[in-house]
Amino acid sequence: MTEPRGVTPLTAAFKRWDGNQDLPLPAYATAGAAGFDFRAAVPAGETLSIEPGARALVPTGFAVALPIGYEMQIRPRSGLAAKNGVSIVNAPGTVDCDYRGEISVCLINLGAETFHVRRGDRIAQGIIAAAPQWTLIEADELDDTVRGAGGYGSTGV
């Protein structure tokens, strides 16, 4: 597999979907930010309302080409979670390096009031991370550890 055109490690190429020229490219808000913001590409002049307990798939207006061996994680924005109870259903979502469709975010409203999404609202953050494909094998036995098969809550917390 070869790298997508114009993409090298530490470069992600974003393609703007038609009708979204007014939306800014995903960008880091500060020099120390780990994640960059995605904005809602709901139609201009419209509002997407998410009732308490409901979810909605919100388009971002962009597709991405990532270097081979990397993924983009789509994570909730802490401000939306703290202020409105809005998160991402499958957090973190994964965008694979070979996906070229529009990036959408599945928001869920865990708050008590209807949440309104307008065009250009910051709805999620993206983080690009290494995601090598490992060799997967079957084993008859696994090595022993102190924890063993202890599951949820087995470490005392």
N, C-alpha and C. Protein backbone atom coordinates (compact mmCIF):
# COMPACT_ATOMS: atom_id res chain seq x y z
N MET A 1 0.85 -1.18 0.00
CA MET A 1 0.00 0.00 0.00
C MET A 1 0.89 1.23 0.00
N THR A 2 0.57 2.23 -0.79
CA THR A 2 1.37 3.44 -0.85
C THR A 2 0.65 4.58 -0.16
N GLU A 3 1.43 5.59 0.23
CA GLU A 3 0.85 6.75 0.91
C GLU A 3 -0.09 7.49 -0.04
N PRO A 4 -1.21 8.04 0.47
CA PRO A 4 -2.08 8.87 -0.35
C PRO A 4 -1.29 10.08 -0.87
N ARG A 5 -1.67 10.60 -2.01
CA ARG A 5 -1.00 11.75 -2.61
C ARG A 5 -0.91 12.91 -1.63
N GLY A 6 0.29 13.47 -1.47
CA GLY A 6 0.48 14.65 -0.63
C GLY A 6 0.50 14.37 0.86
N VAL A 7 0.48 13.10 1.26
CA VAL A 7 0.43 12.77 2.68
C VAL A 7 1.72 12.09 3.10
N THR A 8 2.34 12.62 4.13
CA THR A 8 3.53 12.04 4.73
C THR A 8 3.30 12.00 6.23
N PRO A 9 4.12 11.25 6.99
CA PRO A 9 3.92 11.29 8.44
C PRO A 9 3.91 12.74 8.95
N LEU A 10 3.02 13.02 9.86
CA LEU A 10 2.77 14.34 10.45
C LEU A 10 2.09 15.29 9.49
N THR A 11 1.50 14.76 8.42
CA THR A 11 0.67 15.55 7.51
C THR A 11 -0.64 14.81 7.30
N ALA A 12 -1.75 15.51 7.46
CA ALA A 12 -3.06 14.96 7.16
C ALA A 12 -3.70 15.90 6.15
N ALA A 13 -4.15 15.37 5.03
CA ALA A 13 -4.76 16.19 3.98
C ALA A 13 -6.28 16.15 4.12
N PHE A 14 -6.89 17.30 4.32
CA PHE A 14 -8.34 17.40 4.44
C PHE A 14 -8.94 17.87 3.12
N LYS A 15 -9.98 17.18 2.67
CA LYS A 15 -10.71 17.58 1.47
C LYS A 15 -12.05 18.15 1.90
N ARG A 16 -12.33 19.33 1.41
CA ARG A 16 -13.59 20.01 1.72
C ARG A 16 -14.69 19.45 0.82
N TRP A 17 -15.80 19.04 1.40
CA TRP A 17 -16.94 18.56 0.61
C TRP A 17 -17.67 19.76 0.03
N ASP A 18 -18.26 19.56 -1.13
CA ASP A 18 -18.98 20.65 -1.81
C ASP A 18 -19.98 21.31 -0.88
N GLY A 19 -20.09 22.64 -1.01
CA GLY A 19 -21.05 23.40 -0.22
C GLY A 19 -20.56 23.78 1.15
N ASN A 20 -19.29 23.57 1.44
CA ASN A 20 -18.77 23.86 2.78
C ASN A 20 -17.60 24.83 2.76
N GLN A 21 -17.54 25.68 1.75
CA GLN A 21 -16.43 26.63 1.62
C GLN A 21 -16.39 27.62 2.78
N ASP A 22 -17.51 27.82 3.46
CA ASP A 22 -17.55 28.78 4.57
C ASP A 22 -17.01 28.20 5.88
N LEU A 23 -16.86 26.89 5.96
CA LEU A 23 -16.37 26.29 7.20
C LEU A 23 -14.84 26.30 7.24
N PRO A 24 -14.28 26.64 8.39
CA PRO A 24 -12.81 26.61 8.49
C PRO A 24 -12.29 25.18 8.50
N LEU A 25 -11.07 25.02 8.01
CA LEU A 25 -10.38 23.74 8.08
C LEU A 25 -10.26 23.32 9.55
N PRO A 26 -10.39 22.03 9.87
CA PRO A 26 -10.14 21.63 11.26
C PRO A 26 -8.80 22.20 11.71
N ALA A 27 -8.76 22.71 12.95
CA ALA A 27 -7.55 23.40 13.40
C ALA A 27 -7.37 23.25 14.91
N TYR A 28 -6.11 23.33 15.32
CA TYR A 28 -5.77 23.35 16.74
C TYR A 28 -6.09 24.74 17.30
N ALA A 29 -6.74 24.80 18.46
CA ALA A 29 -7.13 26.08 19.05
C ALA A 29 -5.94 26.79 19.71
N THR A 30 -4.97 26.02 20.24
CA THR A 30 -3.81 26.61 20.88
C THR A 30 -2.56 25.83 20.49
N ALA A 31 -1.42 26.42 20.76
CA ALA A 31 -0.15 25.77 20.42
C ALA A 31 0.06 24.48 21.19
N GLY A 32 -0.55 24.32 22.36
CA GLY A 32 -0.37 23.12 23.16
C GLY A 32 -1.50 22.11 23.04
N ALA A 33 -2.47 22.38 22.17
CA ALA A 33 -3.63 21.49 22.04
C ALA A 33 -3.23 20.15 21.43
N ALA A 34 -3.71 19.06 22.01
CA ALA A 34 -3.49 17.73 21.45
C ALA A 34 -4.48 17.45 20.33
N GLY A 35 -5.69 17.96 20.46
CA GLY A 35 -6.74 17.72 19.48
C GLY A 35 -7.10 18.97 18.71
N PHE A 36 -7.60 18.76 17.51
CA PHE A 36 -8.07 19.87 16.66
C PHE A 36 -9.58 19.79 16.54
N ASP A 37 -10.21 20.94 16.39
CA ASP A 37 -11.67 21.02 16.41
C ASP A 37 -12.31 20.70 15.07
N PHE A 38 -13.40 19.95 15.13
CA PHE A 38 -14.29 19.75 14.00
C PHE A 38 -15.55 20.57 14.24
N ARG A 39 -16.09 21.11 13.16
CA ARG A 39 -17.30 21.93 13.24
C ARG A 39 -18.45 21.24 12.52
N ALA A 40 -19.65 21.62 12.90
CA ALA A 40 -20.86 21.04 12.31
C ALA A 40 -21.11 21.62 10.93
N ALA A 41 -21.43 20.74 9.99
CA ALA A 41 -21.77 21.17 8.63
C ALA A 41 -23.25 20.97 8.37
N VAL A 42 -24.08 21.35 9.37
CA VAL A 42 -25.52 21.31 9.14
C VAL A 42 -25.84 22.40 8.12
N PRO A 43 -26.92 22.26 7.36
CA PRO A 43 -27.23 23.28 6.34
C PRO A 43 -27.34 24.68 6.93
N ALA A 44 -26.87 25.66 6.17
CA ALA A 44 -26.90 27.06 6.60
C ALA A 44 -28.34 27.47 6.92
N GLY A 45 -28.50 28.16 8.03
CA GLY A 45 -29.80 28.65 8.44
C GLY A 45 -30.67 27.62 9.14
N GLU A 46 -30.19 26.39 9.23
CA GLU A 46 -30.96 25.34 9.91
C GLU A 46 -30.32 24.99 11.25
N THR A 47 -31.13 24.43 12.13
CA THR A 47 -30.65 23.97 13.43
C THR A 47 -31.01 22.50 13.57
N LEU A 48 -30.05 21.71 14.01
CA LEU A 48 -30.29 20.31 14.31
C LEU A 48 -30.52 20.21 15.81
N SER A 49 -31.69 19.77 16.21
CA SER A 49 -32.02 19.65 17.62
C SER A 49 -31.92 18.20 18.06
N ILE A 50 -31.22 17.98 19.17
CA ILE A 50 -31.06 16.64 19.72
C ILE A 50 -31.74 16.62 21.09
N GLU A 51 -32.82 15.87 21.17
CA GLU A 51 -33.59 15.78 22.41
C GLU A 51 -32.81 14.99 23.47
N PRO A 52 -33.12 15.18 24.75
CA PRO A 52 -32.47 14.38 25.79
C PRO A 52 -32.63 12.89 25.51
N GLY A 53 -31.52 12.16 25.61
CA GLY A 53 -31.53 10.73 25.37
C GLY A 53 -31.41 10.34 23.90
N ALA A 54 -31.48 11.31 23.00
CA ALA A 54 -31.41 11.02 21.56
C ALA A 54 -30.00 11.23 21.04
N ARG A 55 -29.77 10.73 19.84
CA ARG A 55 -28.48 10.90 19.19
C ARG A 55 -28.71 11.36 17.75
N ALA A 56 -27.67 11.94 17.17
CA ALA A 56 -27.75 12.41 15.78
C ALA A 56 -26.38 12.34 15.14
N LEU A 57 -26.36 11.97 13.87
CA LEU A 57 -25.13 11.92 13.09
C LEU A 57 -24.94 13.29 12.45
N VAL A 58 -23.86 13.98 12.84
CA VAL A 58 -23.62 15.35 12.40
C VAL A 58 -22.44 15.38 11.43
N PRO A 59 -22.65 15.84 10.20
CA PRO A 59 -21.55 15.90 9.24
C PRO A 59 -20.59 17.03 9.58
N THR A 60 -19.32 16.87 9.15
CA THR A 60 -18.30 17.91 9.39
C THR A 60 -17.94 18.68 8.13
N GLY A 61 -18.31 18.16 6.96
CA GLY A 61 -17.98 18.83 5.72
C GLY A 61 -16.59 18.52 5.19
N PHE A 62 -15.89 17.57 5.80
CA PHE A 62 -14.52 17.24 5.39
C PHE A 62 -14.30 15.73 5.35
N ALA A 63 -13.41 15.32 4.46
CA ALA A 63 -12.84 13.97 4.43
C ALA A 63 -11.36 14.15 4.70
N VAL A 64 -10.65 13.05 4.98
CA VAL A 64 -9.23 13.16 5.32
C VAL A 64 -8.44 12.01 4.69
N ALA A 65 -7.19 12.29 4.36
CA ALA A 65 -6.23 11.26 3.97
C ALA A 65 -5.14 11.26 5.03
N LEU A 66 -4.96 10.12 5.65
CA LEU A 66 -3.95 9.95 6.70
C LEU A 66 -2.82 9.07 6.20
N PRO A 67 -1.63 9.22 6.77
CA PRO A 67 -0.54 8.31 6.41
C PRO A 67 -0.89 6.87 6.80
N ILE A 68 -0.35 5.93 6.05
CA ILE A 68 -0.54 4.52 6.37
C ILE A 68 0.03 4.26 7.76
N GLY A 69 -0.71 3.48 8.56
CA GLY A 69 -0.27 3.16 9.91
C GLY A 69 -0.76 4.14 10.96
N TYR A 70 -1.65 5.06 10.55
CA TYR A 70 -2.21 6.04 11.48
C TYR A 70 -3.73 5.97 11.44
N GLU A 71 -4.34 6.44 12.50
CA GLU A 71 -5.79 6.59 12.58
C GLU A 71 -6.09 7.98 13.10
N MET A 72 -7.32 8.43 12.91
CA MET A 72 -7.76 9.67 13.54
C MET A 72 -8.87 9.29 14.52
N GLN A 73 -8.66 9.63 15.77
CA GLN A 73 -9.68 9.40 16.79
C GLN A 73 -10.57 10.63 16.87
N ILE A 74 -11.87 10.40 16.91
CA ILE A 74 -12.84 11.48 17.07
C ILE A 74 -13.32 11.41 18.51
N ARG A 75 -13.03 12.46 19.26
CA ARG A 75 -13.31 12.48 20.70
C ARG A 75 -14.28 13.60 21.05
N PRO A 76 -14.97 13.44 22.19
CA PRO A 76 -15.88 14.50 22.65
C PRO A 76 -15.12 15.77 23.02
N ARG A 77 -15.80 16.88 22.96
CA ARG A 77 -15.25 18.14 23.48
C ARG A 77 -15.68 18.24 24.94
N SER A 78 -14.73 18.49 25.82
CA SER A 78 -15.03 18.51 27.26
C SER A 78 -16.04 19.59 27.62
N GLY A 79 -16.00 20.72 26.93
CA GLY A 79 -16.94 21.79 27.22
C GLY A 79 -18.39 21.39 26.93
N LEU A 80 -18.62 20.68 25.83
CA LEU A 80 -19.98 20.22 25.52
C LEU A 80 -20.46 19.22 26.55
N ALA A 81 -19.57 18.35 27.00
CA ALA A 81 -19.94 17.36 28.00
C ALA A 81 -20.26 18.03 29.34
N ALA A 82 -19.39 18.93 29.78
CA ALA A 82 -19.57 19.56 31.09
C ALA A 82 -20.76 20.51 31.12
N LYS A 83 -20.94 21.30 30.08
CA LYS A 83 -21.99 22.32 30.07
C LYS A 83 -23.35 21.79 29.63
N ASN A 84 -23.36 20.81 28.71
CA ASN A 84 -24.62 20.38 28.11
C ASN A 84 -24.91 18.89 28.22
N GLY A 85 -23.96 18.10 28.70
CA GLY A 85 -24.17 16.66 28.76
C GLY A 85 -24.14 16.00 27.39
N VAL A 86 -23.46 16.64 26.42
CA VAL A 86 -23.39 16.10 25.06
C VAL A 86 -22.05 15.42 24.86
N SER A 87 -22.10 14.20 24.33
CA SER A 87 -20.89 13.43 24.11
C SER A 87 -20.98 12.72 22.76
N ILE A 88 -20.07 11.79 22.54
CA ILE A 88 -20.06 11.01 21.32
C ILE A 88 -20.37 9.57 21.68
N VAL A 89 -21.33 8.97 20.97
CA VAL A 89 -21.80 7.63 21.30
C VAL A 89 -20.66 6.62 21.30
N ASN A 90 -19.83 6.61 20.29
CA ASN A 90 -18.78 5.60 20.14
C ASN A 90 -17.41 6.17 20.46
N ALA A 91 -17.33 7.00 21.48
CA ALA A 91 -16.07 7.68 21.79
C ALA A 91 -15.01 6.73 22.29
N PRO A 92 -13.79 6.81 21.81
CA PRO A 92 -13.48 7.61 20.63
C PRO A 92 -13.83 6.86 19.36
N GLY A 93 -14.35 7.59 18.39
CA GLY A 93 -14.59 7.01 17.08
C GLY A 93 -13.26 6.91 16.34
N THR A 94 -13.17 6.01 15.39
CA THR A 94 -11.94 5.83 14.63
C THR A 94 -12.18 6.09 13.16
N VAL A 95 -11.31 6.90 12.56
CA VAL A 95 -11.27 7.09 11.11
C VAL A 95 -10.02 6.37 10.64
N ASP A 96 -10.20 5.31 9.85
CA ASP A 96 -9.07 4.52 9.35
C ASP A 96 -8.33 5.27 8.25
N CYS A 97 -7.05 4.92 8.07
CA CYS A 97 -6.22 5.61 7.08
C CYS A 97 -6.68 5.41 5.65
N ASP A 98 -7.50 4.40 5.38
CA ASP A 98 -7.97 4.17 4.01
C ASP A 98 -9.40 4.65 3.77
N TYR A 99 -10.02 5.33 4.75
CA TYR A 99 -11.37 5.86 4.59
C TYR A 99 -11.31 7.23 3.93
N ARG A 100 -12.15 7.45 2.91
CA ARG A 100 -12.15 8.73 2.19
C ARG A 100 -13.51 9.41 2.15
N GLY A 101 -14.47 8.90 2.93
CA GLY A 101 -15.79 9.52 2.97
C GLY A 101 -15.82 10.70 3.92
N GLU A 102 -16.94 11.40 3.92
CA GLU A 102 -17.10 12.53 4.82
C GLU A 102 -17.08 12.06 6.27
N ILE A 103 -16.38 12.79 7.10
CA ILE A 103 -16.32 12.50 8.53
C ILE A 103 -17.59 13.03 9.17
N SER A 104 -18.29 12.17 9.90
CA SER A 104 -19.47 12.57 10.64
C SER A 104 -19.27 12.17 12.10
N VAL A 105 -19.98 12.84 12.97
CA VAL A 105 -19.84 12.62 14.41
C VAL A 105 -21.20 12.24 14.97
N CYS A 106 -21.28 11.10 15.68
CA CYS A 106 -22.54 10.67 16.27
C CYS A 106 -22.65 11.22 17.70
N LEU A 107 -23.32 12.36 17.82
CA LEU A 107 -23.50 13.01 19.12
C LEU A 107 -24.67 12.38 19.87
N ILE A 108 -24.56 12.32 21.18
CA ILE A 108 -25.66 11.88 22.04
C ILE A 108 -25.89 12.94 23.11
N ASN A 109 -27.14 13.21 23.37
CA ASN A 109 -27.50 14.20 24.38
C ASN A 109 -27.85 13.46 25.67
N LEU A 110 -26.92 13.49 26.62
CA LEU A 110 -27.15 12.88 27.93
C LEU A 110 -27.65 13.90 28.94
N GLY A 111 -27.86 15.13 28.47
CA GLY A 111 -28.34 16.20 29.34
C GLY A 111 -29.84 16.18 29.51
N ALA A 112 -30.34 17.16 30.25
CA ALA A 112 -31.77 17.24 30.56
C ALA A 112 -32.54 18.14 29.61
N GLU A 113 -31.83 18.90 28.76
CA GLU A 113 -32.49 19.83 27.85
C GLU A 113 -32.11 19.54 26.40
N THR A 114 -32.97 19.96 25.48
CA THR A 114 -32.69 19.80 24.06
C THR A 114 -31.41 20.55 23.72
N PHE A 115 -30.54 19.92 22.93
CA PHE A 115 -29.29 20.54 22.51
C PHE A 115 -29.42 20.91 21.04
N HIS A 116 -29.03 22.14 20.71
CA HIS A 116 -29.17 22.65 19.36
C HIS A 116 -27.80 22.79 18.70
N VAL A 117 -27.65 22.21 17.52
CA VAL A 117 -26.41 22.28 16.76
C VAL A 117 -26.65 23.18 15.56
N ARG A 118 -25.80 24.19 15.42
CA ARG A 118 -25.89 25.12 14.30
C ARG A 118 -24.63 25.00 13.44
N ARG A 119 -24.73 25.44 12.23
CA ARG A 119 -23.61 25.40 11.29
C ARG A 119 -22.40 26.10 11.91
N GLY A 120 -21.26 25.42 11.87
CA GLY A 120 -20.02 26.00 12.38
C GLY A 120 -19.76 25.77 13.85
N ASP A 121 -20.72 25.21 14.59
CA ASP A 121 -20.48 24.90 16.01
C ASP A 121 -19.37 23.86 16.13
N ARG A 122 -18.50 24.03 17.10
CA ARG A 122 -17.48 23.02 17.37
C ARG A 122 -18.13 21.84 18.07
N ILE A 123 -18.03 20.65 17.46
CA ILE A 123 -18.77 19.49 17.96
C ILE A 123 -17.90 18.35 18.44
N ALA A 124 -16.63 18.32 18.04
CA ALA A 124 -15.76 17.20 18.41
C ALA A 124 -14.32 17.63 18.20
N GLN A 125 -13.42 16.78 18.65
CA GLN A 125 -12.00 17.02 18.40
C GLN A 125 -11.38 15.77 17.80
N GLY A 126 -10.39 16.00 16.96
CA GLY A 126 -9.68 14.90 16.32
C GLY A 126 -8.26 14.81 16.85
N ILE A 127 -7.79 13.59 17.00
CA ILE A 127 -6.41 13.33 17.40
C ILE A 127 -5.88 12.24 16.48
N ILE A 128 -4.76 12.50 15.86
CA ILE A 128 -4.15 11.53 14.96
C ILE A 128 -3.11 10.74 15.76
N ALA A 129 -3.18 9.42 15.66
CA ALA A 129 -2.31 8.54 16.45
C ALA A 129 -1.82 7.38 15.60
N ALA A 130 -0.67 6.86 15.97
CA ALA A 130 -0.14 5.68 15.31
C ALA A 130 -1.08 4.50 15.56
N ALA A 131 -1.29 3.70 14.53
CA ALA A 131 -2.16 2.53 14.65
C ALA A 131 -1.61 1.42 13.76
N PRO A 132 -0.46 0.85 14.15
CA PRO A 132 0.12 -0.21 13.32
C PRO A 132 -0.76 -1.44 13.31
N GLN A 133 -0.72 -2.17 12.21
CA GLN A 133 -1.42 -3.45 12.16
C GLN A 133 -0.49 -4.52 12.72
N TRP A 134 -0.96 -5.19 13.73
CA TRP A 134 -0.18 -6.22 14.42
C TRP A 134 -0.40 -7.57 13.74
N THR A 135 0.51 -8.47 13.94
CA THR A 135 0.33 -9.84 13.50
C THR A 135 -0.55 -10.52 14.54
N LEU A 136 -1.66 -11.08 14.11
CA LEU A 136 -2.61 -11.71 15.02
C LEU A 136 -2.49 -13.22 14.87
N ILE A 137 -2.29 -13.88 15.99
CA ILE A 137 -2.09 -15.34 15.96
C ILE A 137 -3.01 -15.99 16.99
N GLU A 138 -3.22 -17.27 16.83
CA GLU A 138 -3.96 -18.03 17.82
C GLU A 138 -2.96 -18.74 18.72
N ALA A 139 -3.27 -18.78 20.03
CA ALA A 139 -2.39 -19.46 20.99
C ALA A 139 -3.21 -20.45 21.81
N ASP A 140 -2.60 -21.56 22.16
CA ASP A 140 -3.27 -22.55 23.01
C ASP A 140 -3.30 -22.11 24.47
N GLU A 141 -2.28 -21.35 24.88
CA GLU A 141 -2.17 -20.87 26.26
C GLU A 141 -1.66 -19.43 26.23
N LEU A 142 -1.99 -18.68 27.28
CA LEU A 142 -1.47 -17.33 27.46
C LEU A 142 -0.60 -17.31 28.70
N ASP A 143 0.36 -16.39 28.75
CA ASP A 143 1.23 -16.32 29.92
C ASP A 143 0.44 -15.88 31.15
N ASP A 144 0.89 -16.28 32.33
CA ASP A 144 0.23 -15.93 33.58
C ASP A 144 0.65 -14.52 34.00
N THR A 145 -0.30 -13.81 34.63
CA THR A 145 -0.01 -12.49 35.20
C THR A 145 -0.61 -12.44 36.61
N VAL A 146 -0.25 -11.46 37.39
CA VAL A 146 -0.81 -11.30 38.73
C VAL A 146 -2.32 -11.12 38.64
N ARG A 147 -2.78 -10.35 37.68
CA ARG A 147 -4.21 -10.08 37.54
C ARG A 147 -4.96 -11.30 37.01
N GLY A 148 -4.35 -12.03 36.11
CA GLY A 148 -5.02 -13.19 35.53
C GLY A 148 -6.25 -12.79 34.74
N ALA A 149 -7.35 -13.50 34.98
CA ALA A 149 -8.59 -13.25 34.24
C ALA A 149 -9.51 -12.28 34.97
N GLY A 150 -9.00 -11.60 36.02
CA GLY A 150 -9.83 -10.67 36.78
C GLY A 150 -10.34 -9.54 35.89
N GLY A 151 -11.63 -9.34 35.88
CA GLY A 151 -12.25 -8.36 35.00
C GLY A 151 -12.63 -7.08 35.70
N TYR A 152 -13.77 -6.57 35.37
CA TYR A 152 -14.25 -5.28 35.86
C TYR A 152 -14.21 -5.20 37.38
N GLY A 153 -13.50 -4.21 37.89
CA GLY A 153 -13.43 -3.99 39.32
C GLY A 153 -12.51 -4.92 40.08
N SER A 154 -11.79 -5.79 39.37
CA SER A 154 -10.96 -6.78 40.06
C SER A 154 -9.70 -6.20 40.68
N THR A 155 -9.33 -4.97 40.30
CA THR A 155 -8.11 -4.37 40.86
C THR A 155 -8.42 -3.50 42.07
N GLY A 156 -9.67 -3.54 42.56
CA GLY A 156 -10.01 -2.84 43.79
C GLY A 156 -10.72 -1.51 43.61
N VAL A 157 -10.82 -1.00 42.41
CA VAL A 157 -11.52 0.27 42.21
C VAL A 157 -12.60 0.10 41.19
